[in-house]
């Protein structure tokens, strides 16, 4: 009977659980996955500023359409903290408040400089370098052909330019 209780030549039963090698592989894979997610989730300041510049370009096109509808020029005013669209009626400056898209906005990160000039020009026509300086003002006329314009936005770690063509379409450039 004793021979029936213990089979000969059989492997001893394996303990339940994971080996050290299996645990190390899982930890390494989790670390690689976490680093990839962290790198892709951390926003690049230059990309953020480029997105902000694209938004400004799209809002310029919207403001041009709005100026044609109203038969009145709209002005884009910007300083180092934000920007807004305004009109002048009877000599009085008014924010464009009846259009939610053209509302006053703050820059995601305050700018260190804001310059305006012509595309391909060597020097800006107008620059803002100090927080208390009067805002830059760009007229967005109701005509279909606009004056070419270049806006340069700079933060502490990034710089982008928006070139507007004769049709008023903005193209973001990363200098």
C-alpha atoms as a PDB file:
ATOM      1  CA  UNK A   1       0.000   0.000   0.000  1.00  0.00           C
ATOM      2  CA  UNK A   2       2.836   2.330   0.621  1.00  0.00           C
ATOM      3  CA  UNK A   3       3.750   2.185  -3.047  1.00  0.00           C
ATOM      4  CA  UNK A   4       0.371   3.586  -4.034  1.00  0.00           C
ATOM      5  CA  UNK A   5       0.689   6.682  -1.828  1.00  0.00           C
ATOM      6  CA  UNK A   6       3.839   8.173  -3.392  1.00  0.00           C
ATOM      7  CA  UNK A   7       4.287   7.839  -7.126  1.00  0.00           C
ATOM      8  CA  UNK A   8       7.876   7.411  -8.059  1.00  0.00           C
ATOM      9  CA  UNK A   9       9.586   9.735 -10.556  1.00  0.00           C
ATOM     10  CA  UNK A  10       6.925  12.474 -10.377  1.00  0.00           C
ATOM     11  CA  UNK A  11       7.975  16.131  -9.921  1.00  0.00           C
ATOM     12  CA  UNK A  12       7.225  17.735  -6.603  1.00  0.00           C
ATOM     13  CA  UNK A  13       4.162  20.034  -6.686  1.00  0.00           C
ATOM     14  CA  UNK A  14       5.038  23.628  -7.657  1.00  0.00           C
ATOM     15  CA  UNK A  15       4.197  26.407  -5.237  1.00  0.00           C
ATOM     16  CA  UNK A  16       1.635  28.968  -6.479  1.00  0.00           C
ATOM     17  CA  UNK A  17       2.933  32.485  -7.272  1.00  0.00           C
ATOM     18  CA  UNK A  18       5.317  34.332  -9.588  1.00  0.00           C
ATOM     19  CA  UNK A  19       9.023  33.916 -10.004  1.00  0.00           C
ATOM     20  CA  UNK A  20      11.407  36.779  -9.400  1.00  0.00           C
ATOM     21  CA  UNK A  21      12.129  37.027 -13.136  1.00  0.00           C
ATOM     22  CA  UNK A  22       8.428  37.399 -13.977  1.00  0.00           C
ATOM     23  CA  UNK A  23       8.043  40.180 -11.416  1.00  0.00           C
ATOM     24  CA  UNK A  24      11.095  42.030 -12.765  1.00  0.00           C
ATOM     25  CA  UNK A  25       9.743  41.881 -16.346  1.00  0.00           C
ATOM     26  CA  UNK A  26       6.399  43.325 -15.219  1.00  0.00           C
ATOM     27  CA  UNK A  27       8.109  46.148 -13.274  1.00  0.00           C
ATOM     28  CA  UNK A  28      10.339  47.058 -16.234  1.00  0.00           C
ATOM     29  CA  UNK A  29       7.373  47.099 -18.646  1.00  0.00           C
ATOM     30  CA  UNK A  30       5.335  49.250 -16.244  1.00  0.00           C
ATOM     31  CA  UNK A  31       8.257  51.679 -15.938  1.00  0.00           C
ATOM     32  CA  UNK A  32       8.632  51.995 -19.711  1.00  0.00           C
ATOM     33  CA  UNK A  33       4.891  52.543 -20.153  1.00  0.00           C
ATOM     34  CA  UNK A  34       4.822  55.169 -17.400  1.00  0.00           C
ATOM     35  CA  UNK A  35       7.757  57.061 -18.902  1.00  0.00           C
ATOM     36  CA  UNK A  36       6.116  57.112 -22.362  1.00  0.00           C
ATOM     37  CA  UNK A  37       2.850  58.420 -20.897  1.00  0.00           C
ATOM     38  CA  UNK A  38       4.683  61.073 -18.874  1.00  0.00           C
ATOM     39  CA  UNK A  39       6.706  62.293 -21.850  1.00  0.00           C
ATOM     40  CA  UNK A  40       3.667  62.519 -24.130  1.00  0.00           C
ATOM     41  CA  UNK A  41       1.481  64.131 -21.447  1.00  0.00           C
ATOM     42  CA  UNK A  42       3.993  66.835 -20.517  1.00  0.00           C
ATOM     43  CA  UNK A  43       3.108  69.783 -22.768  1.00  0.00           C
ATOM     44  CA  UNK A  44       5.882  71.445 -24.708  1.00  0.00           C
ATOM     45  CA  UNK A  45       5.812  75.222 -24.159  1.00  0.00           C
ATOM     46  CA  UNK A  46       6.634  75.867 -27.798  1.00  0.00           C
ATOM     47  CA  UNK A  47       3.703  73.707 -28.913  1.00  0.00           C
ATOM     48  CA  UNK A  48       1.386  75.492 -26.471  1.00  0.00           C
ATOM     49  CA  UNK A  49       2.431  78.873 -27.836  1.00  0.00           C
ATOM     50  CA  UNK A  50       2.004  77.587 -31.407  1.00  0.00           C
ATOM     51  CA  UNK A  51      -1.548  76.442 -30.572  1.00  0.00           C
ATOM     52  CA  UNK A  52      -2.262  79.855 -29.077  1.00  0.00           C
ATOM     53  CA  UNK A  53      -0.920  81.490 -32.258  1.00  0.00           C
ATOM     54  CA  UNK A  54      -3.137  79.240 -34.407  1.00  0.00           C
ATOM     55  CA  UNK A  55      -6.113  80.322 -32.326  1.00  0.00           C
ATOM     56  CA  UNK A  56      -5.225  83.988 -32.885  1.00  0.00           C
ATOM     57  CA  UNK A  57      -4.964  83.351 -36.627  1.00  0.00           C
ATOM     58  CA  UNK A  58      -8.387  81.706 -36.704  1.00  0.00           C
ATOM     59  CA  UNK A  59      -9.897  84.496 -34.619  1.00  0.00           C
ATOM     60  CA  UNK A  60      -8.472  87.093 -37.052  1.00  0.00           C
ATOM     61  CA  UNK A  61     -10.331  85.347 -39.887  1.00  0.00           C
ATOM     62  CA  UNK A  62     -13.512  85.260 -37.816  1.00  0.00           C
ATOM     63  CA  UNK A  63     -13.129  88.949 -36.921  1.00  0.00           C
ATOM     64  CA  UNK A  64     -12.662  89.813 -40.611  1.00  0.00           C
ATOM     65  CA  UNK A  65     -15.930  88.043 -41.433  1.00  0.00           C
ATOM     66  CA  UNK A  66     -17.618  89.838 -38.551  1.00  0.00           C
ATOM     67  CA  UNK A  67     -16.258  93.212 -39.756  1.00  0.00           C
ATOM     68  CA  UNK A  68     -17.755  92.549 -43.210  1.00  0.00           C
ATOM     69  CA  UNK A  69     -21.121  91.644 -41.695  1.00  0.00           C
ATOM     70  CA  UNK A  70     -21.161  94.714 -39.432  1.00  0.00           C
ATOM     71  CA  UNK A  71     -19.696  96.964 -42.135  1.00  0.00           C
ATOM     72  CA  UNK A  72     -17.391  98.312 -39.444  1.00  0.00           C
ATOM     73  CA  UNK A  73     -13.690  97.626 -38.767  1.00  0.00           C
ATOM     74  CA  UNK A  74     -12.770  95.528 -35.762  1.00  0.00           C
ATOM     75  CA  UNK A  75      -9.466  96.053 -33.970  1.00  0.00           C
ATOM     76  CA  UNK A  76      -7.340  93.434 -32.262  1.00  0.00           C
ATOM     77  CA  UNK A  77      -5.640  94.838 -29.174  1.00  0.00           C
ATOM     78  CA  UNK A  78      -2.982  92.835 -27.390  1.00  0.00           C
ATOM     79  CA  UNK A  79      -0.631  93.332 -24.493  1.00  0.00           C
ATOM     80  CA  UNK A  80       1.689  90.957 -22.674  1.00  0.00           C
ATOM     81  CA  UNK A  81      -1.150  89.539 -20.553  1.00  0.00           C
ATOM     82  CA  UNK A  82      -3.883  88.959 -23.144  1.00  0.00           C
ATOM     83  CA  UNK A  83      -5.816  90.184 -26.147  1.00  0.00           C
ATOM     84  CA  UNK A  84      -9.251  91.447 -27.097  1.00  0.00           C
ATOM     85  CA  UNK A  85     -11.293  92.547 -30.090  1.00  0.00           C
ATOM     86  CA  UNK A  86     -12.762  96.061 -29.994  1.00  0.00           C
ATOM     87  CA  UNK A  87     -14.762  98.406 -32.184  1.00  0.00           C
ATOM     88  CA  UNK A  88     -15.078 102.170 -32.211  1.00  0.00           C
ATOM     89  CA  UNK A  89     -18.591 103.606 -32.408  1.00  0.00           C
ATOM     90  CA  UNK A  90     -19.133 107.356 -32.201  1.00  0.00           C
ATOM     91  CA  UNK A  91     -15.549 107.746 -31.011  1.00  0.00           C
ATOM     92  CA  UNK A  92     -16.091 105.316 -28.139  1.00  0.00           C
ATOM     93  CA  UNK A  93     -14.036 102.125 -27.752  1.00  0.00           C
ATOM     94  CA  UNK A  94     -16.171  99.045 -27.087  1.00  0.00           C
ATOM     95  CA  UNK A  95     -15.224  95.427 -26.494  1.00  0.00           C
ATOM     96  CA  UNK A  96     -16.829  92.975 -28.886  1.00  0.00           C
ATOM     97  CA  UNK A  97     -18.959  91.291 -26.268  1.00  0.00           C
ATOM     98  CA  UNK A  98     -21.877  89.980 -28.328  1.00  0.00           C
ATOM     99  CA  UNK A  99     -19.747  87.218 -29.874  1.00  0.00           C
ATOM    100  CA  UNK A 100     -18.428  84.616 -27.445  1.00  0.00           C
ATOM    101  CA  UNK A 101     -15.574  83.600 -29.756  1.00  0.00           C
ATOM    102  CA  UNK A 102     -14.231  87.165 -29.956  1.00  0.00           C
ATOM    103  CA  UNK A 103     -14.280  87.652 -26.189  1.00  0.00           C
ATOM    104  CA  UNK A 104     -11.329  88.982 -24.221  1.00  0.00           C
ATOM    105  CA  UNK A 105      -8.736  86.291 -23.500  1.00  0.00           C
ATOM    106  CA  UNK A 106      -5.571  85.940 -21.446  1.00  0.00           C
ATOM    107  CA  UNK A 107      -2.429  84.310 -22.828  1.00  0.00           C
ATOM    108  CA  UNK A 108      -1.840  80.867 -21.386  1.00  0.00           C
ATOM    109  CA  UNK A 109       1.512  82.118 -20.163  1.00  0.00           C
ATOM    110  CA  UNK A 110       2.236  85.872 -20.057  1.00  0.00           C
ATOM    111  CA  UNK A 111       4.364  86.996 -22.978  1.00  0.00           C
ATOM    112  CA  UNK A 112       7.779  88.580 -22.619  1.00  0.00           C
ATOM    113  CA  UNK A 113       7.505  90.350 -25.962  1.00  0.00           C
ATOM    114  CA  UNK A 114       4.968  90.931 -28.687  1.00  0.00           C
ATOM    115  CA  UNK A 115       6.030  92.412 -32.021  1.00  0.00           C
ATOM    116  CA  UNK A 116       4.205  93.432 -35.170  1.00  0.00           C
ATOM    117  CA  UNK A 117       5.728  93.947 -38.611  1.00  0.00           C
ATOM    118  CA  UNK A 118       5.584  92.842 -42.212  1.00  0.00           C
ATOM    119  CA  UNK A 119       6.341  89.274 -43.306  1.00  0.00           C
ATOM    120  CA  UNK A 120       9.935  89.031 -44.443  1.00  0.00           C
ATOM    121  CA  UNK A 121      10.740  92.381 -42.829  1.00  0.00           C
ATOM    122  CA  UNK A 122      14.005  92.535 -40.964  1.00  0.00           C
ATOM    123  CA  UNK A 123      12.687  94.604 -38.064  1.00  0.00           C
ATOM    124  CA  UNK A 124       9.309  94.807 -36.356  1.00  0.00           C
ATOM    125  CA  UNK A 125       7.309  97.986 -36.881  1.00  0.00           C
ATOM    126  CA  UNK A 126       5.999  97.982 -33.329  1.00  0.00           C
ATOM    127  CA  UNK A 127       7.017  96.016 -30.226  1.00  0.00           C
ATOM    128  CA  UNK A 128       5.749  95.502 -26.716  1.00  0.00           C
ATOM    129  CA  UNK A 129       8.409  94.676 -24.160  1.00  0.00           C
ATOM    130  CA  UNK A 130       7.063  96.042 -20.858  1.00  0.00           C
ATOM    131  CA  UNK A 131       3.905  94.979 -18.997  1.00  0.00           C
ATOM    132  CA  UNK A 132       2.596  98.528 -18.567  1.00  0.00           C
ATOM    133  CA  UNK A 133       3.026  99.587 -22.204  1.00  0.00           C
ATOM    134  CA  UNK A 134      -0.014 100.533 -24.290  1.00  0.00           C
ATOM    135  CA  UNK A 135      -1.403  97.598 -26.271  1.00  0.00           C
ATOM    136  CA  UNK A 136      -0.613  96.848 -29.886  1.00  0.00           C
ATOM    137  CA  UNK A 137      -3.595  97.533 -32.118  1.00  0.00           C
ATOM    138  CA  UNK A 138      -4.211  95.876 -35.473  1.00  0.00           C
ATOM    139  CA  UNK A 139      -7.108  96.991 -37.657  1.00  0.00           C
ATOM    140  CA  UNK A 140      -9.060  94.149 -39.185  1.00  0.00           C
ATOM    141  CA  UNK A 141     -10.752  95.884 -42.074  1.00  0.00           C
ATOM    142  CA  UNK A 142     -13.921  94.829 -43.794  1.00  0.00           C
ATOM    143  CA  UNK A 143     -12.226  94.655 -47.208  1.00  0.00           C
ATOM    144  CA  UNK A 144     -11.458  91.293 -48.759  1.00  0.00           C
ATOM    145  CA  UNK A 145      -7.796  92.168 -49.329  1.00  0.00           C
ATOM    146  CA  UNK A 146      -5.759  92.865 -46.198  1.00  0.00           C
ATOM    147  CA  UNK A 147      -2.312  94.312 -45.627  1.00  0.00           C
ATOM    148  CA  UNK A 148       0.215  91.461 -45.014  1.00  0.00           C
ATOM    149  CA  UNK A 149       1.148  91.307 -41.358  1.00  0.00           C
ATOM    150  CA  UNK A 150       3.496  89.399 -39.071  1.00  0.00           C
ATOM    151  CA  UNK A 151       2.951  88.955 -35.334  1.00  0.00           C
ATOM    152  CA  UNK A 152       5.732  87.530 -33.162  1.00  0.00           C
ATOM    153  CA  UNK A 153       4.881  86.075 -29.759  1.00  0.00           C
ATOM    154  CA  UNK A 154       7.652  85.303 -27.257  1.00  0.00           C
ATOM    155  CA  UNK A 155       7.595  83.748 -23.811  1.00  0.00           C
ATOM    156  CA  UNK A 156      10.545  82.921 -21.580  1.00  0.00           C
ATOM    157  CA  UNK A 157      11.173  79.634 -23.387  1.00  0.00           C
ATOM    158  CA  UNK A 158       9.399  79.792 -26.755  1.00  0.00           C
ATOM    159  CA  UNK A 159       8.900  82.038 -29.766  1.00  0.00           C
ATOM    160  CA  UNK A 160       6.460  81.794 -32.676  1.00  0.00           C
ATOM    161  CA  UNK A 161       5.364  84.048 -35.521  1.00  0.00           C
ATOM    162  CA  UNK A 162       2.054  84.342 -37.338  1.00  0.00           C
ATOM    163  CA  UNK A 163       2.274  85.512 -40.949  1.00  0.00           C
ATOM    164  CA  UNK A 164      -0.992  86.856 -42.372  1.00  0.00           C
ATOM    165  CA  UNK A 165      -1.297  86.998 -46.154  1.00  0.00           C
ATOM    166  CA  UNK A 166      -3.399  89.361 -48.288  1.00  0.00           C
ATOM    167  CA  UNK A 167      -6.477  87.220 -47.734  1.00  0.00           C
ATOM    168  CA  UNK A 168      -6.063  87.513 -43.961  1.00  0.00           C
ATOM    169  CA  UNK A 169      -5.147  83.864 -43.456  1.00  0.00           C
ATOM    170  CA  UNK A 170      -2.604  83.252 -40.741  1.00  0.00           C
ATOM    171  CA  UNK A 171       0.246  80.754 -40.957  1.00  0.00           C
ATOM    172  CA  UNK A 172       2.169  79.885 -37.797  1.00  0.00           C
ATOM    173  CA  UNK A 173       5.957  79.779 -38.140  1.00  0.00           C
ATOM    174  CA  UNK A 174       8.385  78.410 -35.587  1.00  0.00           C
ATOM    175  CA  UNK A 175      11.547  80.534 -36.028  1.00  0.00           C
END
